[in-house]
Amino acid sequence: MMDPTQRELVFVTGKGGVGRTTVAIALALFAARAGRRTILCEVSGQARAARLLRGTPGPPGAEVALRDGLWATTVDPLVGLEEWAGTVIGSRPVARTLAGSSAFGAFLAAAPGARELITMAKAWELGRDQRWTRAPRRYDLVVVDGPATGHGVGLLRTPRTFADIARVGPIATESRRVAELLEDPARAAIVAVAQPAEMPVSEALELEERVPTTLGRDVDAIVLNAVRPRRFSGDEVARVEAAGDGVPVGVLDAVRRSDGVVAEQQRQVRRLRREATAPVVTLPFVASPALEADEVERLSELLERRLAG
């Protein structure tokens, strides 16, 4: 099984709405418990981890302490570009002045893949000894809470694309370093998240096909989230059905509905385990409109045990 505590970066992606952030936080908590200095790197302006575990997110780019050994940050491509430019120019004040002009924003808006490149370069930079800023020391592990599958694959592909196009110069050098990290399964892990339904499972299987073409390596693990428990055995359902008029209509409908949902989920679990090449681990359904911090902690502990198995 995949052990995230032994990597430099873990990239989490999957279909929208399947619980990518929950799994990313769970993995980050797991690594922090193992003694790894860990940061959860959120993209697309999100700051959900800080809200969940701390209550108050910091500004974009800030590295916010959440737990012992665990931080979170939200990548702002414009801030990241300013930081990187400061290392190239050799002067952060000059880079800040440039960033205040419209040129940086125009570059990010006009250059295809520029935002994606800066996002992944920033995630890479968090684990380097030589940071772009006067930030604290490097992190042992960076967990990237990536976007949905299509955009996620684009983020993974962009560094190699820029490295091949630029060939020489600072952009090529930085892009090549990021690409080499992502393409090395000993240093980086790719985790797909799905739920036990037809479309999310299909998307996870499609991701497994796309990653080798994109990075020349495989997906490391698939986390199947929100799997409901089987509350009634086949015999119990049959007895309720046989009772007929002796069972209130609402109870009978609830039993049938629960059994039908679980049966369909189990079909998708079996399908994924049959067709996927990566290890598949499951996390249970949490009957809560909004996850609380202690629930995510419990999911993280469960995920740790199942990945270890």
Protein backbone atom coordinates (compact mmCIF):
# COMPACT_ATOMS: atom_id res chain seq x y z
CA MET A 1 0.00 0.00 0.00
CA MET A 2 0.99 3.63 -0.42
CA ASP A 3 2.71 5.26 2.55
CA PRO A 4 2.46 9.05 2.19
CA THR A 5 4.93 9.57 5.00
CA GLN A 6 7.70 8.35 2.69
CA ARG A 7 7.11 10.88 -0.12
CA GLU A 8 7.91 14.54 -0.69
CA LEU A 9 4.59 15.38 -2.34
CA VAL A 10 1.14 13.78 -2.55
CA PHE A 11 -1.25 15.05 -5.23
CA VAL A 12 -4.97 14.39 -4.62
CA THR A 13 -7.53 14.61 -7.42
CA GLY A 14 -10.85 13.10 -8.52
CA LYS A 15 -14.32 13.96 -9.70
CA GLY A 16 -15.93 17.04 -8.19
CA GLY A 17 -17.94 16.44 -5.03
CA VAL A 18 -16.36 13.13 -4.02
CA GLY A 19 -14.51 14.47 -0.97
CA ARG A 20 -11.04 15.30 -2.31
CA THR A 21 -10.42 17.89 0.41
CA THR A 22 -11.50 15.48 3.15
CA VAL A 23 -9.05 12.86 1.89
CA ALA A 24 -6.26 15.43 1.45
CA ILE A 25 -6.71 16.64 5.04
CA ALA A 26 -6.85 13.04 6.28
CA LEU A 27 -3.57 12.23 4.52
CA ALA A 28 -1.93 15.38 5.88
CA LEU A 29 -3.05 14.56 9.44
CA PHE A 30 -1.72 11.02 9.01
CA ALA A 31 1.70 12.32 7.97
CA ALA A 32 1.82 14.88 10.79
CA ARG A 33 1.04 12.16 13.35
CA ALA A 34 3.98 10.20 11.93
CA GLY A 35 6.28 13.10 12.75
CA ARG A 36 6.57 14.59 9.28
CA ARG A 37 6.55 18.39 8.98
CA THR A 38 3.55 18.58 6.64
CA ILE A 39 1.74 21.32 4.74
CA LEU A 40 -1.60 21.05 2.97
CA CYS A 41 -1.45 23.12 -0.22
CA GLU A 42 -4.85 24.22 -1.50
CA VAL A 43 -5.43 25.62 -4.99
CA SER A 44 -8.10 27.66 -6.79
CA GLY A 45 -8.40 30.09 -3.87
CA GLN A 46 -9.69 27.47 -1.45
CA ALA A 47 -8.94 27.59 2.28
CA ARG A 48 -11.19 24.82 3.56
CA ALA A 49 -8.62 23.01 5.71
CA ALA A 50 -7.87 26.08 7.81
CA ARG A 51 -11.59 26.77 8.30
CA LEU A 52 -12.22 23.19 9.37
CA LEU A 53 -9.24 22.59 11.63
CA ARG A 54 -8.41 26.11 12.85
CA GLY A 55 -11.46 28.21 12.23
CA THR A 56 -9.73 31.13 10.51
CA PRO A 57 -7.76 30.93 7.25
CA GLY A 58 -4.82 33.18 6.58
CA PRO A 59 -4.36 35.41 3.53
CA PRO A 60 -3.33 33.77 0.21
CA GLY A 61 0.22 32.51 0.45
CA ALA A 62 0.36 32.51 4.26
CA GLU A 63 1.48 29.27 5.91
CA VAL A 64 -1.01 28.76 8.73
CA ALA A 65 -0.38 26.36 11.63
CA LEU A 66 -3.27 23.91 12.11
CA ARG A 67 -1.90 21.23 14.42
CA ASP A 68 1.47 20.12 15.76
CA GLY A 69 3.49 19.41 12.64
CA LEU A 70 0.72 20.50 10.24
CA TRP A 71 0.27 23.74 8.27
CA ALA A 72 -1.95 24.86 5.41
CA THR A 73 -1.54 27.40 2.63
CA THR A 74 -3.61 28.66 -0.28
CA VAL A 75 -1.74 29.19 -3.54
CA ASP A 76 -2.31 32.50 -5.29
CA PRO A 77 -0.53 32.28 -8.68
CA LEU A 78 0.12 36.04 -8.75
CA VAL A 79 1.76 35.95 -5.29
CA GLY A 80 3.70 32.85 -6.30
CA LEU A 81 4.92 34.51 -9.49
CA GLU A 82 6.09 37.54 -7.49
CA GLU A 83 8.01 35.29 -5.08
CA TRP A 84 9.63 33.31 -7.88
CA ALA A 85 10.50 36.45 -9.85
CA GLY A 86 12.22 37.81 -6.76
CA THR A 87 14.63 34.86 -6.79
CA VAL A 88 15.33 35.28 -10.51
CA ILE A 89 15.79 39.06 -10.37
CA GLY A 90 17.58 38.89 -7.05
CA SER A 91 15.41 41.57 -5.47
CA ARG A 92 12.04 40.98 -3.88
CA PRO A 93 11.20 44.73 -3.75
CA VAL A 94 11.82 45.01 -7.51
CA ALA A 95 9.67 41.93 -8.11
CA ARG A 96 6.94 43.41 -5.90
CA THR A 97 7.00 46.60 -7.96
CA LEU A 98 6.67 44.59 -11.15
CA ALA A 99 3.84 42.59 -9.62
CA GLY A 100 2.00 45.83 -8.93
CA SER A 101 1.90 46.55 -12.65
CA SER A 102 -0.51 44.93 -15.06
CA ALA A 103 2.25 42.87 -16.67
CA PHE A 104 2.17 39.97 -14.23
CA GLY A 105 -1.59 39.64 -14.37
CA ALA A 106 -1.52 39.85 -18.15
CA PHE A 107 1.09 37.08 -18.29
CA LEU A 108 -0.98 34.77 -16.09
CA ALA A 109 -4.11 35.49 -18.10
CA ALA A 110 -2.56 35.24 -21.55
CA ALA A 111 0.07 32.50 -21.31
CA PRO A 112 -1.58 29.06 -21.58
CA GLY A 113 -0.71 27.01 -18.52
CA ALA A 114 1.05 29.85 -16.67
CA ARG A 115 -1.25 29.71 -13.64
CA GLU A 116 -0.92 25.93 -13.51
CA LEU A 117 2.87 26.11 -13.75
CA ILE A 118 3.19 28.64 -10.92
CA THR A 119 0.76 26.64 -8.78
CA MET A 120 2.77 23.43 -9.12
CA ALA A 121 6.09 25.26 -8.81
CA LYS A 122 4.89 26.77 -5.52
CA ALA A 123 3.86 23.32 -4.24
CA TRP A 124 7.35 22.08 -5.18
CA GLU A 125 9.01 25.09 -3.53
CA LEU A 126 7.37 24.35 -0.17
CA GLY A 127 9.54 21.25 0.10
CA ARG A 128 12.86 22.88 -0.89
CA ASP A 129 15.69 23.91 1.39
CA GLN A 130 16.10 27.12 -0.63
CA ARG A 131 12.71 28.79 -0.28
CA TRP A 132 11.59 31.68 -2.49
CA THR A 133 10.97 33.85 0.57
CA ARG A 134 12.27 34.22 4.09
CA ALA A 135 9.85 31.54 5.14
CA PRO A 136 10.34 28.89 7.81
CA ARG A 137 12.33 25.82 6.90
CA ARG A 138 11.18 23.35 4.27
CA TYR A 139 8.35 20.90 4.76
CA ASP A 140 8.97 17.16 4.74
CA LEU A 141 5.71 16.52 2.89
CA VAL A 142 3.45 18.68 0.72
CA VAL A 143 -0.10 17.39 0.24
CA VAL A 144 -1.73 19.13 -2.74
CA ASP A 145 -5.53 19.32 -2.56
CA GLY A 146 -5.84 19.33 -6.33
CA PRO A 147 -8.79 20.31 -8.51
CA ALA A 148 -11.19 17.94 -10.29
CA THR A 149 -9.75 15.28 -12.58
CA GLY A 150 -9.51 17.16 -15.88
CA HIS A 151 -7.90 20.26 -14.40
CA GLY A 152 -5.85 18.06 -12.08
CA VAL A 153 -4.28 16.22 -15.02
CA GLY A 154 -3.54 19.61 -16.58
CA LEU A 155 -1.69 20.72 -13.44
CA LEU A 156 0.37 17.54 -13.47
CA ARG A 157 1.22 17.87 -17.17
CA THR A 158 2.12 21.58 -17.28
CA PRO A 159 5.65 21.48 -15.76
CA ARG A 160 6.91 18.95 -18.33
CA THR A 161 5.24 20.91 -21.15
CA PHE A 162 6.99 24.15 -20.13
CA ALA A 163 10.31 22.35 -19.62
CA ASP A 164 10.15 20.90 -23.13
CA ILE A 165 9.07 24.18 -24.76
CA ALA A 166 11.42 26.56 -22.94
CA ARG A 167 14.43 24.18 -22.94
CA VAL A 168 16.81 26.78 -21.45
CA GLY A 169 16.54 29.60 -18.96
CA PRO A 170 15.03 29.92 -15.46
CA ILE A 171 11.52 28.82 -16.51
CA ALA A 172 12.89 25.67 -18.13
CA THR A 173 15.09 24.90 -15.12
CA GLU A 174 12.30 25.34 -12.57
CA SER A 175 9.78 23.47 -14.72
CA ARG A 176 12.16 20.55 -15.17
CA ARG A 177 12.73 20.25 -11.43
CA VAL A 178 8.99 20.17 -10.74
CA ALA A 179 8.39 17.66 -13.53
CA GLU A 180 11.14 15.38 -12.23
CA LEU A 181 9.52 15.36 -8.80
CA LEU A 182 6.04 14.54 -10.14
CA GLU A 183 7.34 11.82 -12.44
CA ASP A 184 9.27 9.98 -9.71
CA PRO A 185 7.01 7.53 -7.82
CA ALA A 186 9.59 7.26 -5.06
CA ARG A 187 9.27 11.01 -4.36
CA ALA A 188 5.67 11.86 -5.30
CA ALA A 189 2.35 10.02 -5.03
CA ILE A 190 -0.83 10.47 -7.06
CA VAL A 191 -4.04 9.67 -5.15
CA ALA A 192 -7.41 9.44 -6.89
CA VAL A 193 -10.59 9.97 -4.87
CA ALA A 194 -13.98 8.59 -5.89
CA GLN A 195 -17.33 7.62 -4.45
CA PRO A 196 -19.06 4.27 -5.08
CA ALA A 197 -21.22 5.48 -7.96
CA GLU A 198 -20.91 4.87 -11.70
CA MET A 199 -19.57 8.25 -12.84
CA PRO A 200 -16.96 8.82 -10.09
CA VAL A 201 -15.67 5.25 -10.48
CA SER A 202 -15.46 5.65 -14.26
CA GLU A 203 -13.55 8.91 -13.81
CA ALA A 204 -11.10 7.27 -11.40
CA LEU A 205 -10.47 4.47 -13.91
CA GLU A 206 -10.02 7.04 -16.68
CA LEU A 207 -7.49 8.90 -14.51
CA GLU A 208 -5.55 5.66 -14.12
CA GLU A 209 -5.28 5.49 -17.90
CA ARG A 210 -4.29 9.15 -18.34
CA VAL A 211 -1.60 9.47 -15.66
CA PRO A 212 0.89 7.03 -17.29
CA THR A 213 0.57 8.95 -20.56
CA THR A 214 0.95 12.29 -18.78
CA LEU A 215 3.72 11.47 -16.29
CA GLY A 216 5.11 8.10 -17.32
CA ARG A 217 4.12 6.59 -13.95
CA ASP A 218 1.03 5.13 -12.29
CA VAL A 219 -1.60 6.29 -9.82
CA ASP A 220 -0.51 5.13 -6.35
CA ALA A 221 -3.86 4.62 -4.62
CA ILE A 222 -7.59 5.14 -5.05
CA VAL A 223 -9.61 6.20 -2.02
CA LEU A 224 -13.28 5.27 -2.32
CA ASN A 225 -15.06 7.73 -0.07
CA ALA A 226 -18.53 7.71 1.57
CA VAL A 227 -19.15 3.95 1.41
CA ARG A 228 -22.36 3.13 3.28
CA PRO A 229 -22.49 0.14 5.63
CA ARG A 230 -24.84 -2.78 5.00
CA ARG A 231 -27.45 -2.33 7.71
CA PHE A 232 -29.69 -5.23 6.75
CA SER A 233 -28.77 -8.73 5.66
CA GLY A 234 -30.54 -10.40 2.75
CA ASP A 235 -32.52 -12.53 5.18
CA GLU A 236 -33.63 -9.48 7.17
CA VAL A 237 -34.84 -7.71 4.04
CA ALA A 238 -36.70 -10.86 2.98
CA ARG A 239 -38.41 -11.12 6.38
CA VAL A 240 -39.51 -7.49 6.23
CA GLU A 241 -40.88 -8.05 2.72
CA ALA A 242 -42.67 -11.22 3.86
CA ALA A 243 -44.32 -9.43 6.77
CA GLY A 244 -46.37 -7.46 4.26
CA ASP A 245 -49.13 -5.44 5.90
CA GLY A 246 -47.61 -6.04 9.31
CA VAL A 247 -44.84 -3.53 8.54
CA PRO A 248 -45.57 0.21 8.30
CA VAL A 249 -45.17 1.51 4.74
CA GLY A 250 -42.53 4.05 5.73
CA VAL A 251 -40.37 1.37 7.38
CA LEU A 252 -40.65 -0.96 4.40
CA ASP A 253 -39.70 1.84 1.99
CA ALA A 254 -36.71 2.83 4.15
CA VAL A 255 -35.44 -0.76 4.29
CA ARG A 256 -35.82 -1.20 0.53
CA ARG A 257 -34.16 2.13 -0.21
CA SER A 258 -31.22 1.47 2.12
CA ASP A 259 -30.71 -2.02 0.75
CA GLY A 260 -30.87 -0.76 -2.85
CA VAL A 261 -28.34 2.02 -2.27
CA VAL A 262 -25.90 -0.31 -0.52
CA ALA A 263 -26.29 -2.99 -3.19
CA GLU A 264 -25.49 -0.50 -5.96
CA GLN A 265 -22.53 0.90 -4.04
CA GLN A 266 -21.13 -2.59 -3.51
CA ARG A 267 -21.41 -3.28 -7.25
CA GLN A 268 -19.29 -0.18 -7.90
CA VAL A 269 -16.79 -1.16 -5.19
CA ARG A 270 -16.38 -4.59 -6.80
CA ARG A 271 -16.10 -3.01 -10.25
CA LEU A 272 -13.37 -0.61 -9.16
CA ARG A 273 -11.39 -3.31 -7.39
CA ARG A 274 -11.74 -5.57 -10.42
CA GLU A 275 -10.68 -2.99 -13.04
CA ALA A 276 -8.24 -0.74 -11.18
CA THR A 277 -4.54 -1.51 -11.05
CA ALA A 278 -3.86 0.76 -8.03
CA PRO A 279 -4.74 -0.37 -4.51
CA VAL A 280 -8.29 0.62 -3.49
CA VAL A 281 -9.11 1.62 0.09
CA THR A 282 -12.50 2.70 1.41
CA LEU A 283 -13.70 5.32 3.84
CA PRO A 284 -17.18 5.17 5.39
CA PHE A 285 -20.09 7.48 4.76
CA VAL A 286 -20.44 10.16 7.45
CA ALA A 287 -24.05 11.11 8.10
CA SER A 288 -23.40 14.79 8.72
CA PRO A 289 -24.35 17.85 6.63
CA ALA A 290 -20.88 19.29 7.30
CA LEU A 291 -17.85 17.41 8.55
CA GLU A 292 -16.42 18.44 11.90
CA ALA A 293 -12.74 18.37 12.79
CA ASP A 294 -13.07 15.32 15.05
CA GLU A 295 -14.80 13.36 12.26
CA VAL A 296 -11.96 14.11 9.86
CA GLU A 297 -9.47 13.03 12.55
CA ARG A 298 -11.29 9.68 12.83
CA LEU A 299 -11.33 9.25 9.05
CA SER A 300 -7.60 10.02 8.98
CA GLU A 301 -6.86 7.35 11.59
CA LEU A 302 -8.96 4.84 9.63
CA LEU A 303 -7.22 5.78 6.37
CA GLU A 304 -3.83 5.31 8.05
CA ARG A 305 -4.76 1.77 9.15
CA ARG A 306 -6.11 0.83 5.76
CA LEU A 307 -3.15 2.21 3.84
CA ALA A 308 -0.84 0.36 6.21
CA GLY A 309 -2.73 -2.87 5.46
